[in-house]
C-alpha cells in the first residue's frame, strides 16, 4: 500500500519594510519566478497573487517537504531572480518571515480565487484580514 497525502498551504510574505517594489508591470515575472522555484522542488503552484508590497502563494506539496523549506526556497530563489535578472532593486529582499495557513480540500477553490484576485480585493477593501498577515504584521 502506498501512502497518500493531499497537503495544501497558503503562504504570504512581504517585501523588505513593505517597500512597493512589485509594480504591476513586474508582478507577472516575479510570480513566474516563484512558480519556477516551486517546480524545482516538486511543489505544485495552484495560485499566485499579490500587490506592490507582498505576495500570496497557494501550493500543493508532498509530505516529504516541510512548509518552512517551501517558504525558504520560494523566497530565496525568487529574490535571487529579481535581483540578478530583473534588477528590480539592488538588493531586492523579502522580509525574513512569512505567514502560512493550511487549507482543506473544501476551502481550496475559495482561497485560490482570493489569491488570484488580490489586486481587486486590495482596491475594493474586501480583504480577509486573517489571510493578509505575515508574522511581522
N, C-alpha and C. Protein backbone atom coordinates (compact mmCIF):
# COMPACT_ATOMS: atom_id res chain seq x y z
N UNK A 1 0.83 -1.18 0.00
CA UNK A 1 0.00 0.00 0.00
C UNK A 1 0.89 1.25 0.00
N UNK A 2 0.57 2.19 -0.87
CA UNK A 2 1.32 3.45 -0.94
C UNK A 2 0.64 4.49 -0.07
N UNK A 3 1.44 5.36 0.49
CA UNK A 3 0.85 6.45 1.27
C UNK A 3 0.33 7.53 0.33
N UNK A 4 -0.65 8.27 0.81
CA UNK A 4 -1.26 9.32 0.01
C UNK A 4 -1.43 10.55 0.89
N UNK A 5 -1.08 11.70 0.33
CA UNK A 5 -1.24 12.95 1.08
C UNK A 5 -1.73 14.04 0.13
N UNK A 6 -2.71 14.78 0.59
CA UNK A 6 -3.15 15.99 -0.12
C UNK A 6 -2.96 17.13 0.85
N UNK A 7 -1.85 17.82 0.70
CA UNK A 7 -1.47 18.89 1.61
C UNK A 7 -1.44 20.21 0.86
N UNK A 8 -2.17 21.18 1.38
CA UNK A 8 -2.26 22.49 0.75
C UNK A 8 -1.93 23.56 1.78
N UNK A 9 -1.19 24.57 1.33
CA UNK A 9 -0.87 25.68 2.21
C UNK A 9 -0.93 26.99 1.43
N UNK A 10 -1.39 28.01 2.12
CA UNK A 10 -1.42 29.38 1.60
C UNK A 10 -0.31 30.13 2.31
N UNK A 11 0.66 30.61 1.55
CA UNK A 11 1.78 31.37 2.09
C UNK A 11 1.63 32.83 1.71
N UNK A 12 2.05 33.71 2.59
CA UNK A 12 2.06 35.14 2.29
C UNK A 12 3.32 35.73 2.91
N UNK A 13 4.01 36.57 2.13
CA UNK A 13 5.17 37.27 2.65
C UNK A 13 5.30 38.61 1.95
N UNK A 14 6.02 39.49 2.58
CA UNK A 14 6.12 40.87 2.11
C UNK A 14 7.54 41.23 1.68
N UNK A 15 7.64 42.32 0.94
CA UNK A 15 8.93 42.87 0.61
C UNK A 15 9.54 43.49 1.87
N UNK A 16 10.84 43.69 1.85
CA UNK A 16 11.54 44.27 2.99
C UNK A 16 10.96 45.64 3.31
N UNK A 17 10.59 45.84 4.55
CA UNK A 17 9.99 47.09 5.01
C UNK A 17 8.73 47.49 4.22
N UNK A 18 8.11 46.51 3.62
CA UNK A 18 6.90 46.75 2.81
C UNK A 18 7.15 47.77 1.70
N UNK A 19 8.36 47.77 1.16
CA UNK A 19 8.70 48.66 0.05
C UNK A 19 7.90 48.23 -1.18
N UNK A 20 7.25 49.15 -1.88
CA UNK A 20 6.39 48.79 -3.02
C UNK A 20 7.17 48.52 -4.31
N UNK A 21 8.03 47.51 -4.28
CA UNK A 21 8.85 47.16 -5.44
C UNK A 21 8.07 46.41 -6.51
N UNK A 22 6.99 45.76 -6.14
CA UNK A 22 6.30 44.86 -7.07
C UNK A 22 5.23 45.61 -7.85
N UNK A 23 5.66 46.53 -8.67
CA UNK A 23 4.73 47.28 -9.52
C UNK A 23 4.01 46.31 -10.45
N UNK A 24 2.86 46.71 -10.92
CA UNK A 24 2.02 45.85 -11.75
C UNK A 24 2.80 45.23 -12.92
N UNK A 25 3.62 46.04 -13.60
CA UNK A 25 4.36 45.55 -14.78
C UNK A 25 5.41 44.50 -14.43
N UNK A 26 5.84 44.43 -13.19
CA UNK A 26 6.86 43.46 -12.77
C UNK A 26 6.26 42.21 -12.13
N UNK A 27 5.02 42.31 -11.68
CA UNK A 27 4.41 41.25 -10.88
C UNK A 27 4.35 39.90 -11.59
N UNK A 28 3.95 39.88 -12.85
CA UNK A 28 3.81 38.60 -13.56
C UNK A 28 5.15 37.87 -13.62
N UNK A 29 6.22 38.60 -13.84
CA UNK A 29 7.54 37.97 -13.92
C UNK A 29 7.99 37.46 -12.55
N UNK A 30 7.73 38.23 -11.50
CA UNK A 30 8.07 37.78 -10.14
C UNK A 30 7.26 36.54 -9.79
N UNK A 31 5.98 36.56 -10.11
CA UNK A 31 5.13 35.39 -9.85
C UNK A 31 5.62 34.18 -10.64
N UNK A 32 6.08 34.41 -11.86
CA UNK A 32 6.64 33.31 -12.67
C UNK A 32 7.89 32.73 -12.03
N UNK A 33 8.72 33.59 -11.45
CA UNK A 33 9.92 33.11 -10.76
C UNK A 33 9.54 32.25 -9.55
N UNK A 34 8.50 32.65 -8.85
CA UNK A 34 8.03 31.86 -7.70
C UNK A 34 7.52 30.50 -8.18
N UNK A 35 6.74 30.49 -9.26
CA UNK A 35 6.25 29.22 -9.82
C UNK A 35 7.41 28.31 -10.24
N UNK A 36 8.43 28.89 -10.84
CA UNK A 36 9.60 28.13 -11.27
C UNK A 36 10.32 27.50 -10.08
N UNK A 37 10.48 28.26 -9.01
CA UNK A 37 11.11 27.73 -7.80
C UNK A 37 10.30 26.57 -7.22
N UNK A 38 8.99 26.70 -7.24
CA UNK A 38 8.13 25.62 -6.73
C UNK A 38 8.32 24.35 -7.55
N UNK A 39 8.31 24.49 -8.88
CA UNK A 39 8.50 23.32 -9.75
C UNK A 39 9.81 22.61 -9.44
N UNK A 40 10.87 23.39 -9.19
CA UNK A 40 12.17 22.80 -8.89
C UNK A 40 12.13 21.85 -7.70
N UNK A 41 11.26 22.12 -6.74
CA UNK A 41 11.22 21.27 -5.55
C UNK A 41 10.04 20.31 -5.55
N UNK A 42 9.36 20.17 -6.68
CA UNK A 42 8.26 19.22 -6.78
C UNK A 42 7.00 19.66 -6.09
N UNK A 43 6.81 20.99 -6.00
CA UNK A 43 5.65 21.58 -5.37
C UNK A 43 4.76 22.15 -6.47
N UNK A 44 3.47 21.87 -6.41
CA UNK A 44 2.52 22.34 -7.41
C UNK A 44 1.93 23.69 -6.99
N UNK A 45 2.12 24.70 -7.83
CA UNK A 45 1.57 26.02 -7.55
C UNK A 45 0.15 26.08 -8.09
N UNK A 46 -0.80 26.41 -7.23
CA UNK A 46 -2.20 26.48 -7.61
C UNK A 46 -2.67 27.91 -7.85
N UNK A 47 -2.06 28.88 -7.15
CA UNK A 47 -2.41 30.30 -7.33
C UNK A 47 -1.27 31.16 -6.80
N UNK A 48 -1.05 32.26 -7.50
CA UNK A 48 -0.09 33.28 -7.05
C UNK A 48 -0.75 34.63 -7.29
N UNK A 49 -0.66 35.50 -6.31
CA UNK A 49 -1.23 36.84 -6.45
C UNK A 49 -0.52 37.79 -5.51
N UNK A 50 -0.90 39.03 -5.58
CA UNK A 50 -0.30 39.99 -4.67
C UNK A 50 -0.45 41.41 -5.17
N UNK A 51 0.15 42.30 -4.45
CA UNK A 51 0.15 43.72 -4.79
C UNK A 51 1.58 44.23 -4.67
N UNK A 52 1.76 45.54 -4.59
CA UNK A 52 3.09 46.15 -4.65
C UNK A 52 4.05 45.70 -3.56
N UNK A 53 3.53 45.33 -2.40
CA UNK A 53 4.44 45.04 -1.29
C UNK A 53 4.34 43.64 -0.69
N UNK A 54 3.55 42.76 -1.29
CA UNK A 54 3.52 41.38 -0.78
C UNK A 54 2.93 40.42 -1.80
N UNK A 55 3.20 39.13 -1.58
CA UNK A 55 2.68 38.08 -2.45
C UNK A 55 1.94 37.03 -1.62
N UNK A 56 1.02 36.36 -2.30
CA UNK A 56 0.30 35.22 -1.76
C UNK A 56 0.56 34.05 -2.71
N UNK A 57 0.76 32.86 -2.16
CA UNK A 57 1.01 31.68 -2.97
C UNK A 57 0.23 30.52 -2.35
N UNK A 58 -0.49 29.78 -3.18
CA UNK A 58 -1.16 28.55 -2.73
C UNK A 58 -0.49 27.39 -3.44
N UNK A 59 -0.06 26.41 -2.67
CA UNK A 59 0.62 25.25 -3.23
C UNK A 59 0.06 23.96 -2.67
N UNK A 60 0.20 22.93 -3.47
CA UNK A 60 0.02 21.55 -3.01
C UNK A 60 1.43 20.99 -2.90
N UNK A 61 1.72 20.38 -1.76
CA UNK A 61 3.09 19.94 -1.54
C UNK A 61 3.14 18.50 -1.05
N UNK A 62 4.24 17.81 -1.38
CA UNK A 62 4.41 16.42 -0.92
C UNK A 62 4.77 16.37 0.56
N UNK A 63 4.42 15.28 1.21
CA UNK A 63 4.66 15.13 2.65
C UNK A 63 6.14 15.16 3.00
N UNK A 64 7.00 14.88 2.06
CA UNK A 64 8.45 14.87 2.33
C UNK A 64 9.05 16.27 2.44
N UNK A 65 8.28 17.30 2.09
CA UNK A 65 8.77 18.67 2.10
C UNK A 65 8.05 19.45 3.20
N UNK A 66 8.79 20.19 3.99
CA UNK A 66 8.17 20.98 5.06
C UNK A 66 7.74 22.35 4.53
N UNK A 67 6.81 22.95 5.22
CA UNK A 67 6.35 24.29 4.85
C UNK A 67 7.51 25.28 4.93
N UNK A 68 8.34 25.17 5.94
CA UNK A 68 9.47 26.10 6.06
C UNK A 68 10.45 25.95 4.90
N UNK A 69 10.65 24.72 4.42
CA UNK A 69 11.51 24.51 3.25
C UNK A 69 10.91 25.17 2.01
N UNK A 70 9.60 25.04 1.86
CA UNK A 70 8.93 25.65 0.71
C UNK A 70 9.10 27.17 0.75
N UNK A 71 8.79 27.77 1.88
CA UNK A 71 8.90 29.22 2.00
C UNK A 71 10.33 29.68 1.75
N UNK A 72 11.28 29.01 2.33
CA UNK A 72 12.69 29.39 2.15
C UNK A 72 13.10 29.32 0.68
N UNK A 73 12.73 28.24 0.00
CA UNK A 73 13.11 28.05 -1.40
C UNK A 73 12.41 29.07 -2.31
N UNK A 74 11.12 29.26 -2.11
CA UNK A 74 10.39 30.21 -2.96
C UNK A 74 10.88 31.63 -2.76
N UNK A 75 11.08 32.03 -1.51
CA UNK A 75 11.54 33.38 -1.23
C UNK A 75 12.99 33.58 -1.71
N UNK A 76 13.86 32.64 -1.39
CA UNK A 76 15.27 32.78 -1.75
C UNK A 76 15.50 32.79 -3.25
N UNK A 77 14.92 31.82 -3.93
CA UNK A 77 15.11 31.72 -5.37
C UNK A 77 14.51 32.89 -6.12
N UNK A 78 13.32 33.32 -5.71
CA UNK A 78 12.70 34.45 -6.40
C UNK A 78 13.46 35.74 -6.11
N UNK A 79 13.99 35.89 -4.92
CA UNK A 79 14.78 37.07 -4.58
C UNK A 79 16.04 37.14 -5.44
N UNK A 80 16.71 36.01 -5.60
CA UNK A 80 17.91 35.98 -6.47
C UNK A 80 17.54 36.35 -7.91
N UNK A 81 16.43 35.81 -8.38
CA UNK A 81 15.99 36.11 -9.75
C UNK A 81 15.67 37.59 -9.91
N UNK A 82 14.93 38.15 -8.98
CA UNK A 82 14.54 39.57 -9.06
C UNK A 82 15.77 40.47 -9.00
N UNK A 83 16.76 40.11 -8.19
CA UNK A 83 17.97 40.92 -8.06
C UNK A 83 18.86 40.80 -9.30
N UNK A 84 19.12 39.57 -9.74
CA UNK A 84 20.12 39.37 -10.79
C UNK A 84 19.56 39.46 -12.20
N UNK A 85 18.33 39.02 -12.43
CA UNK A 85 17.77 39.02 -13.79
C UNK A 85 16.92 40.26 -14.04
N UNK A 86 15.97 40.51 -13.16
CA UNK A 86 15.07 41.64 -13.36
C UNK A 86 15.70 42.96 -12.95
N UNK A 87 16.62 42.91 -12.00
CA UNK A 87 17.28 44.11 -11.46
C UNK A 87 16.25 45.15 -11.00
N UNK A 88 15.25 44.64 -10.31
CA UNK A 88 14.16 45.47 -9.81
C UNK A 88 14.63 46.39 -8.69
N UNK A 89 15.49 45.88 -7.86
CA UNK A 89 16.06 46.65 -6.76
C UNK A 89 17.40 46.01 -6.42
N UNK A 90 18.33 46.77 -5.96
CA UNK A 90 19.63 46.21 -5.64
C UNK A 90 20.02 46.59 -4.22
N UNK A 91 19.96 45.68 -3.29
CA UNK A 91 19.45 44.33 -3.47
C UNK A 91 17.94 44.28 -3.20
N UNK A 92 17.30 43.36 -3.87
CA UNK A 92 15.89 43.08 -3.59
C UNK A 92 15.86 42.15 -2.40
N UNK A 93 14.94 42.38 -1.48
CA UNK A 93 14.82 41.49 -0.31
C UNK A 93 13.37 41.31 0.07
N UNK A 94 13.05 40.09 0.45
CA UNK A 94 11.78 39.81 1.10
C UNK A 94 12.00 39.98 2.60
N UNK A 95 10.93 40.23 3.34
CA UNK A 95 11.06 40.24 4.79
C UNK A 95 11.47 38.85 5.26
N UNK A 96 11.99 38.76 6.45
CA UNK A 96 12.51 37.49 6.94
C UNK A 96 11.45 36.47 7.32
N UNK A 97 10.22 36.90 7.51
CA UNK A 97 9.18 35.99 7.98
C UNK A 97 8.10 35.78 6.92
N UNK A 98 7.15 34.94 7.24
CA UNK A 98 6.04 34.65 6.34
C UNK A 98 4.86 34.17 7.16
N UNK A 99 3.70 34.20 6.55
CA UNK A 99 2.52 33.60 7.15
C UNK A 99 2.21 32.31 6.40
N UNK A 100 1.70 31.32 7.09
CA UNK A 100 1.34 30.04 6.47
C UNK A 100 -0.01 29.59 7.04
N UNK A 101 -0.92 29.25 6.14
CA UNK A 101 -2.27 28.87 6.53
C UNK A 101 -2.64 27.57 5.83
N UNK A 102 -2.97 26.55 6.60
CA UNK A 102 -3.37 25.29 5.99
C UNK A 102 -4.74 25.44 5.35
N UNK A 103 -4.98 24.68 4.31
CA UNK A 103 -6.23 24.77 3.56
C UNK A 103 -6.81 23.37 3.42
N UNK A 104 -8.10 23.25 3.66
CA UNK A 104 -8.78 21.97 3.44
C UNK A 104 -9.13 21.85 1.96
N UNK A 105 -9.38 20.64 1.51
CA UNK A 105 -9.81 20.44 0.11
C UNK A 105 -11.07 21.24 -0.16
N UNK A 106 -11.97 21.30 0.79
CA UNK A 106 -13.23 22.02 0.63
C UNK A 106 -13.03 23.52 0.45
N UNK A 107 -12.03 24.09 1.12
CA UNK A 107 -11.79 25.52 1.04
C UNK A 107 -10.83 25.96 -0.04
N UNK A 108 -10.26 25.01 -0.76
CA UNK A 108 -9.20 25.30 -1.72
C UNK A 108 -9.63 26.25 -2.83
N UNK A 109 -10.77 26.01 -3.45
CA UNK A 109 -11.21 26.87 -4.56
C UNK A 109 -11.39 28.32 -4.13
N UNK A 110 -11.98 28.52 -2.97
CA UNK A 110 -12.20 29.88 -2.47
C UNK A 110 -10.91 30.61 -2.17
N UNK A 111 -9.95 29.92 -1.57
CA UNK A 111 -8.66 30.55 -1.26
C UNK A 111 -7.90 30.86 -2.54
N UNK A 112 -7.92 29.94 -3.50
CA UNK A 112 -7.23 30.19 -4.78
C UNK A 112 -7.85 31.39 -5.49
N UNK A 113 -9.15 31.51 -5.47
CA UNK A 113 -9.82 32.66 -6.09
C UNK A 113 -9.42 33.95 -5.37
N UNK A 114 -9.38 33.92 -4.06
CA UNK A 114 -8.99 35.08 -3.27
C UNK A 114 -7.56 35.52 -3.63
N UNK A 115 -6.64 34.57 -3.70
CA UNK A 115 -5.24 34.86 -4.01
C UNK A 115 -5.10 35.41 -5.42
N UNK A 116 -5.79 34.80 -6.38
CA UNK A 116 -5.69 35.23 -7.77
C UNK A 116 -6.26 36.63 -8.00
N UNK A 117 -7.15 37.06 -7.12
CA UNK A 117 -7.83 38.35 -7.29
C UNK A 117 -7.37 39.38 -6.26
N UNK A 118 -6.11 39.31 -5.88
CA UNK A 118 -5.58 40.20 -4.85
C UNK A 118 -5.72 41.69 -5.19
N UNK A 119 -5.42 42.06 -6.41
CA UNK A 119 -5.50 43.49 -6.77
C UNK A 119 -6.89 44.05 -6.50
N UNK A 120 -7.92 43.33 -6.89
CA UNK A 120 -9.29 43.80 -6.69
C UNK A 120 -9.63 43.87 -5.21
N UNK A 121 -9.25 42.85 -4.45
CA UNK A 121 -9.55 42.85 -3.01
C UNK A 121 -8.89 44.04 -2.31
N UNK A 122 -7.66 44.34 -2.68
CA UNK A 122 -6.99 45.49 -2.07
C UNK A 122 -7.62 46.80 -2.52
N UNK A 123 -7.96 46.90 -3.77
CA UNK A 123 -8.58 48.11 -4.31
C UNK A 123 -9.95 48.37 -3.68
N UNK A 124 -10.74 47.30 -3.56
CA UNK A 124 -12.12 47.43 -3.08
C UNK A 124 -12.26 47.32 -1.57
N UNK A 125 -11.18 46.99 -0.88
CA UNK A 125 -11.25 46.85 0.58
C UNK A 125 -11.99 45.61 1.02
N UNK A 126 -11.99 44.57 0.19
CA UNK A 126 -12.69 43.32 0.51
C UNK A 126 -11.69 42.25 0.95
N UNK A 127 -10.77 42.64 1.80
CA UNK A 127 -9.72 41.74 2.26
C UNK A 127 -10.22 40.83 3.37
N UNK A 128 -9.68 39.64 3.40
CA UNK A 128 -9.89 38.73 4.51
C UNK A 128 -8.64 38.87 5.37
N UNK A 129 -8.72 39.71 6.39
CA UNK A 129 -7.56 40.12 7.18
C UNK A 129 -6.71 38.95 7.69
N UNK A 130 -7.32 37.88 8.08
CA UNK A 130 -6.57 36.74 8.62
C UNK A 130 -5.61 36.16 7.57
N UNK A 131 -5.95 36.28 6.29
CA UNK A 131 -5.09 35.75 5.23
C UNK A 131 -4.12 36.79 4.69
N UNK A 132 -4.13 37.96 5.22
CA UNK A 132 -3.22 39.02 4.78
C UNK A 132 -2.03 39.18 5.71
N UNK A 133 -2.01 38.44 6.80
CA UNK A 133 -0.98 38.64 7.83
C UNK A 133 0.27 37.79 7.56
N UNK A 134 1.40 38.41 7.83
CA UNK A 134 2.65 37.68 7.98
C UNK A 134 2.96 37.75 9.46
N UNK A 135 3.96 37.07 9.91
CA UNK A 135 4.22 37.10 11.36
C UNK A 135 4.70 38.46 11.84
N UNK A 136 5.12 39.35 10.95
CA UNK A 136 5.57 40.68 11.35
C UNK A 136 4.42 41.70 11.36
N UNK A 137 3.28 41.33 10.85
CA UNK A 137 2.14 42.26 10.78
C UNK A 137 1.37 42.30 12.08
